[in-house]
Protein backbone atom coordinates (compact mmCIF):
# COMPACT_ATOMS: atom_id res chain seq x y z
CA MET A 1 -9.58 13.00 18.57
CA LYS A 2 -9.45 10.42 15.79
CA ALA A 3 -9.03 6.75 16.57
CA PHE A 4 -5.60 5.36 15.65
CA GLY A 5 -7.09 3.13 12.94
CA THR A 6 -8.61 6.09 11.12
CA MET A 7 -5.35 8.07 11.15
CA ILE A 8 -3.44 5.52 9.03
CA SER A 9 -3.91 5.93 5.29
CA HIS A 10 -4.36 3.11 2.82
CA CYS A 11 -2.43 2.25 -0.34
CA GLY A 12 -5.28 3.56 -2.47
CA ASN A 13 -4.42 7.11 -1.36
CA CYS A 14 -0.68 6.79 -1.96
CA SER A 15 1.23 8.34 -4.86
CA ARG A 16 3.90 5.59 -4.75
CA LYS A 17 1.59 2.93 -6.20
CA THR A 18 1.84 2.17 -9.92
CA LYS A 19 -0.35 0.19 -12.28
CA LYS A 20 1.41 -2.66 -14.07
CA GLU A 21 0.26 -4.99 -16.80
CA GLY A 22 -1.10 -8.30 -15.53
CA LEU A 23 -2.48 -6.99 -12.25
CA ALA A 24 -6.18 -7.15 -11.41
CA LYS A 25 -8.31 -4.01 -11.62
CA ASP A 26 -7.91 -3.18 -7.93
CA GLU A 27 -4.24 -4.22 -7.62
CA TYR A 28 -1.17 -2.01 -7.84
CA TYR A 29 2.60 -2.41 -7.59
CA CYS A 30 4.59 -0.77 -4.80
CA ASP A 31 8.34 -1.20 -4.31
CA VAL A 32 7.96 -0.80 -0.52
CA PHE A 33 6.23 -4.19 -0.42
CA ILE A 34 8.72 -6.01 -2.68
CA ASP A 35 10.28 -8.01 0.18
CA THR A 36 6.93 -9.17 1.58
CA PRO A 37 5.00 -12.32 0.66
CA MET A 38 2.88 -10.07 -1.61
CA LYS A 39 5.97 -9.41 -3.80
CA GLY A 40 5.07 -5.76 -4.31
CA VAL A 41 1.41 -6.25 -5.21
CA VAL A 42 -0.97 -4.19 -3.09
CA SER A 43 -4.66 -3.34 -3.20
CA SER A 44 -6.35 -0.07 -2.33
CA ASP A 45 -7.54 -1.24 1.09
CA ILE A 46 -4.15 -2.27 2.52
CA ALA A 47 -3.09 -0.01 5.39
CA GLU A 48 0.21 1.80 4.98
CA THR A 49 1.58 0.44 8.26
CA LEU A 50 4.70 -0.95 6.53
CA CYS A 51 5.40 2.50 5.07
CA VAL A 52 4.97 4.10 8.48
CA LYS A 53 7.32 1.51 9.98
CA HIS A 54 9.98 2.45 7.40
CA GLY A 55 9.37 6.18 7.76
CA LEU A 56 7.99 6.67 4.28
């Protein structure tokens, strides 16, 4: 059985992320995170726990 932490994917594996001008090489934009302090900017290593919480 996998540990809970290994079952949750990360933003780097998500098809919702988009690359926008002005973001660093390892940063992406995701509309799921728009209402967070990150203002929609995510990196590949962020866990998708917010997406899971919203059922996405």
